[in-house]
């Protein structure tokens, strides 16, 4: 256990039940907020990476993807 964790545990041990519950809820809030922030940063990074691709190959359906891939293969074999 780190010094910080030991200090926090000592502080929590001195609290009354009502205050302890409030402290735990606040810690949970901070944890969820941090997770949400990281998720938003990850989503933003993904959007930025997708923007780097000049040729967007997003297909409307599986059939459209298969048609595009077949045309690509035909184009490479007809050379």
N, C-alpha and C. Protein backbone atom coordinates (compact mmCIF):
# COMPACT_ATOMS: atom_id res chain seq x y z
N UNK A 1 0.85 -1.18 0.00
CA UNK A 1 0.00 0.00 0.00
C UNK A 1 0.90 1.24 0.00
N UNK A 2 0.56 2.21 -0.84
CA UNK A 2 1.37 3.42 -0.91
C UNK A 2 1.07 4.32 0.28
N UNK A 3 1.94 5.29 0.49
CA UNK A 3 1.76 6.24 1.58
C UNK A 3 0.45 6.99 1.42
N UNK A 4 0.16 7.39 0.16
CA UNK A 4 -1.07 8.13 -0.11
C UNK A 4 -2.30 7.28 0.24
N UNK A 5 -2.30 6.02 -0.17
CA UNK A 5 -3.43 5.14 0.13
C UNK A 5 -3.59 4.94 1.63
N UNK A 6 -2.47 4.80 2.33
CA UNK A 6 -2.53 4.63 3.77
C UNK A 6 -3.11 5.88 4.43
N UNK A 7 -2.71 7.05 3.93
CA UNK A 7 -3.22 8.31 4.48
C UNK A 7 -4.72 8.43 4.23
N UNK A 8 -5.14 8.09 3.04
CA UNK A 8 -6.58 8.16 2.71
C UNK A 8 -7.35 7.18 3.58
N UNK A 9 -6.84 5.99 3.73
CA UNK A 9 -7.52 5.00 4.59
C UNK A 9 -7.62 5.50 6.03
N UNK A 10 -6.56 6.11 6.53
CA UNK A 10 -6.59 6.65 7.89
C UNK A 10 -7.65 7.75 8.00
N UNK A 11 -7.73 8.59 6.98
CA UNK A 11 -8.75 9.66 6.99
C UNK A 11 -10.16 9.07 6.98
N UNK A 12 -10.36 8.06 6.11
CA UNK A 12 -11.69 7.45 6.02
C UNK A 12 -12.08 6.78 7.33
N UNK A 13 -11.12 6.20 8.02
CA UNK A 13 -11.39 5.54 9.30
C UNK A 13 -11.90 6.50 10.37
N UNK A 14 -11.56 7.79 10.25
CA UNK A 14 -11.97 8.76 11.26
C UNK A 14 -13.37 9.33 11.01
N UNK A 15 -13.93 9.04 9.84
CA UNK A 15 -15.22 9.63 9.48
C UNK A 15 -16.39 8.88 10.10
N UNK A 16 -17.46 9.61 10.32
CA UNK A 16 -18.71 8.99 10.73
C UNK A 16 -19.36 8.38 9.49
N UNK A 17 -20.29 7.51 9.69
CA UNK A 17 -20.90 6.74 8.60
C UNK A 17 -21.43 7.65 7.48
N UNK A 18 -22.14 8.70 7.81
CA UNK A 18 -22.71 9.60 6.82
C UNK A 18 -21.61 10.26 5.98
N UNK A 19 -20.57 10.74 6.65
CA UNK A 19 -19.46 11.37 5.95
C UNK A 19 -18.66 10.36 5.14
N UNK A 20 -18.52 9.16 5.68
CA UNK A 20 -17.81 8.09 4.98
C UNK A 20 -18.51 7.78 3.67
N UNK A 21 -19.83 7.65 3.72
CA UNK A 21 -20.61 7.37 2.52
C UNK A 21 -20.44 8.48 1.49
N UNK A 22 -20.47 9.72 1.94
CA UNK A 22 -20.29 10.85 1.03
C UNK A 22 -18.90 10.83 0.40
N UNK A 23 -17.89 10.50 1.19
CA UNK A 23 -16.52 10.45 0.68
C UNK A 23 -16.37 9.34 -0.36
N UNK A 24 -16.94 8.20 -0.10
CA UNK A 24 -16.87 7.08 -1.04
C UNK A 24 -17.60 7.44 -2.33
N UNK A 25 -18.76 8.07 -2.22
CA UNK A 25 -19.49 8.49 -3.43
C UNK A 25 -18.69 9.49 -4.25
N UNK A 26 -17.99 10.39 -3.58
CA UNK A 26 -17.18 11.37 -4.29
C UNK A 26 -16.00 10.68 -5.00
N UNK A 27 -15.39 9.72 -4.34
CA UNK A 27 -14.30 8.97 -4.96
C UNK A 27 -14.82 8.22 -6.19
N UNK A 28 -16.00 7.61 -6.07
CA UNK A 28 -16.61 6.92 -7.21
C UNK A 28 -16.89 7.90 -8.35
N UNK A 29 -17.38 9.10 -8.01
CA UNK A 29 -17.64 10.14 -9.01
C UNK A 29 -16.35 10.50 -9.75
N UNK A 30 -15.26 10.68 -9.00
CA UNK A 30 -13.98 11.02 -9.62
C UNK A 30 -13.52 9.90 -10.55
N UNK A 31 -13.69 8.68 -10.12
CA UNK A 31 -13.28 7.52 -10.92
C UNK A 31 -14.07 7.46 -12.23
N UNK A 32 -15.38 7.60 -12.14
CA UNK A 32 -16.23 7.56 -13.33
C UNK A 32 -15.90 8.74 -14.25
N UNK A 33 -15.67 9.90 -13.69
CA UNK A 33 -15.32 11.08 -14.49
C UNK A 33 -14.02 10.84 -15.24
N UNK A 34 -13.05 10.23 -14.59
CA UNK A 34 -11.76 9.95 -15.23
C UNK A 34 -11.95 8.95 -16.37
N UNK A 35 -12.74 7.92 -16.14
CA UNK A 35 -13.01 6.92 -17.17
C UNK A 35 -13.70 7.57 -18.36
N UNK A 36 -14.71 8.41 -18.10
CA UNK A 36 -15.42 9.09 -19.17
C UNK A 36 -14.50 10.01 -19.97
N UNK A 37 -13.61 10.69 -19.27
CA UNK A 37 -12.65 11.57 -19.94
C UNK A 37 -11.75 10.76 -20.86
N UNK A 38 -11.24 9.64 -20.36
CA UNK A 38 -10.37 8.80 -21.19
C UNK A 38 -11.13 8.25 -22.40
N UNK A 39 -12.40 7.88 -22.21
CA UNK A 39 -13.21 7.39 -23.33
C UNK A 39 -13.39 8.47 -24.38
N UNK A 40 -13.66 9.69 -23.95
CA UNK A 40 -13.83 10.80 -24.89
C UNK A 40 -12.52 11.07 -25.64
N UNK A 41 -11.39 11.03 -24.93
CA UNK A 41 -10.10 11.23 -25.57
C UNK A 41 -9.82 10.13 -26.58
N UNK A 42 -10.19 8.90 -26.26
CA UNK A 42 -10.00 7.78 -27.18
C UNK A 42 -10.85 7.95 -28.43
N UNK A 43 -12.10 8.36 -28.23
CA UNK A 43 -12.99 8.58 -29.38
C UNK A 43 -12.46 9.69 -30.27
N UNK A 44 -11.94 10.76 -29.67
CA UNK A 44 -11.38 11.87 -30.43
C UNK A 44 -10.15 11.41 -31.21
N UNK A 45 -9.29 10.63 -30.57
CA UNK A 45 -8.10 10.12 -31.24
C UNK A 45 -8.48 9.24 -32.42
N UNK A 46 -9.51 8.42 -32.26
CA UNK A 46 -9.97 7.56 -33.34
C UNK A 46 -10.49 8.40 -34.51
N UNK A 47 -11.25 9.45 -34.22
CA UNK A 47 -11.74 10.33 -35.28
C UNK A 47 -10.58 10.98 -36.02
N UNK A 48 -9.56 11.41 -35.29
CA UNK A 48 -8.40 12.03 -35.92
C UNK A 48 -7.65 11.03 -36.80
N UNK A 49 -7.52 9.79 -36.34
CA UNK A 49 -6.85 8.78 -37.15
C UNK A 49 -7.65 8.48 -38.41
N UNK A 50 -8.98 8.40 -38.29
CA UNK A 50 -9.81 8.11 -39.45
C UNK A 50 -9.72 9.25 -40.47
N UNK A 51 -9.55 10.47 -39.99
CA UNK A 51 -9.45 11.61 -40.89
C UNK A 51 -8.15 11.58 -41.69
N UNK A 52 -7.15 10.84 -41.24
CA UNK A 52 -5.89 10.74 -41.95
C UNK A 52 -5.99 9.92 -43.23
N UNK A 53 -6.99 9.08 -43.33
CA UNK A 53 -7.14 8.24 -44.51
C UNK A 53 -7.80 9.04 -45.62
N UNK A 54 -7.08 9.21 -46.72
CA UNK A 54 -7.58 10.03 -47.83
C UNK A 54 -8.70 9.31 -48.58
N UNK A 55 -8.61 8.01 -48.71
CA UNK A 55 -9.60 7.26 -49.47
C UNK A 55 -10.52 6.52 -48.51
N UNK A 56 -11.63 7.13 -48.20
CA UNK A 56 -12.59 6.53 -47.27
C UNK A 56 -13.25 5.33 -47.93
N UNK A 57 -13.11 4.17 -47.32
CA UNK A 57 -13.70 2.95 -47.86
C UNK A 57 -14.88 2.49 -47.01
N UNK A 58 -15.64 3.43 -46.50
CA UNK A 58 -16.82 3.05 -45.73
C UNK A 58 -17.92 2.60 -46.68
N UNK A 59 -18.35 1.39 -46.54
CA UNK A 59 -19.38 0.85 -47.41
C UNK A 59 -20.74 0.95 -46.72
N UNK A 60 -21.76 1.08 -47.54
CA UNK A 60 -23.13 1.16 -47.01
C UNK A 60 -23.64 -0.20 -46.56
N UNK A 61 -23.09 -1.27 -47.16
CA UNK A 61 -23.56 -2.61 -46.83
C UNK A 61 -22.47 -3.62 -47.12
N UNK A 62 -22.70 -4.85 -46.70
CA UNK A 62 -21.74 -5.91 -46.97
C UNK A 62 -21.67 -6.18 -48.47
N UNK A 63 -22.82 -6.13 -49.15
CA UNK A 63 -22.84 -6.35 -50.60
C UNK A 63 -22.01 -5.29 -51.32
N UNK A 64 -22.11 -4.04 -50.89
CA UNK A 64 -21.32 -2.96 -51.51
C UNK A 64 -19.83 -3.21 -51.29
N UNK A 65 -19.46 -3.69 -50.12
CA UNK A 65 -18.07 -4.00 -49.84
C UNK A 65 -17.58 -5.12 -50.74
N UNK A 66 -18.36 -6.19 -50.86
CA UNK A 66 -17.95 -7.32 -51.69
C UNK A 66 -17.83 -6.92 -53.15
N UNK A 67 -18.75 -6.11 -53.64
CA UNK A 67 -18.69 -5.62 -55.02
C UNK A 67 -17.43 -4.80 -55.24
N UNK A 68 -17.13 -3.91 -54.33
CA UNK A 68 -15.93 -3.08 -54.43
C UNK A 68 -14.67 -3.93 -54.42
N UNK A 69 -14.63 -4.91 -53.55
CA UNK A 69 -13.45 -5.78 -53.48
C UNK A 69 -13.30 -6.60 -54.75
N UNK A 70 -14.41 -7.09 -55.30
CA UNK A 70 -14.36 -7.87 -56.54
C UNK A 70 -13.86 -7.00 -57.70
N UNK A 71 -14.33 -5.76 -57.78
CA UNK A 71 -13.87 -4.84 -58.82
C UNK A 71 -12.38 -4.57 -58.67
N UNK A 72 -11.93 -4.41 -57.44
CA UNK A 72 -10.50 -4.19 -57.18
C UNK A 72 -9.68 -5.38 -57.67
N UNK A 73 -10.12 -6.59 -57.34
CA UNK A 73 -9.38 -7.80 -57.76
C UNK A 73 -9.37 -7.93 -59.29
N UNK A 74 -10.52 -7.66 -59.92
CA UNK A 74 -10.58 -7.74 -61.38
C UNK A 74 -9.64 -6.72 -62.01
N UNK A 75 -9.58 -5.53 -61.43
CA UNK A 75 -8.69 -4.49 -61.93
C UNK A 75 -7.23 -4.88 -61.83
N UNK A 76 -6.87 -5.60 -60.81
CA UNK A 76 -5.47 -6.00 -60.63
C UNK A 76 -5.11 -7.18 -61.53
N UNK A 77 -6.06 -8.02 -61.84
CA UNK A 77 -5.75 -9.21 -62.67
C UNK A 77 -5.83 -8.90 -64.16
N UNK A 78 -6.48 -7.82 -64.55
CA UNK A 78 -6.62 -7.46 -65.96
C UNK A 78 -5.44 -6.68 -66.50
N UNK A 79 -4.44 -6.44 -65.70
CA UNK A 79 -3.28 -5.66 -66.14
C UNK A 79 -2.40 -6.44 -67.02
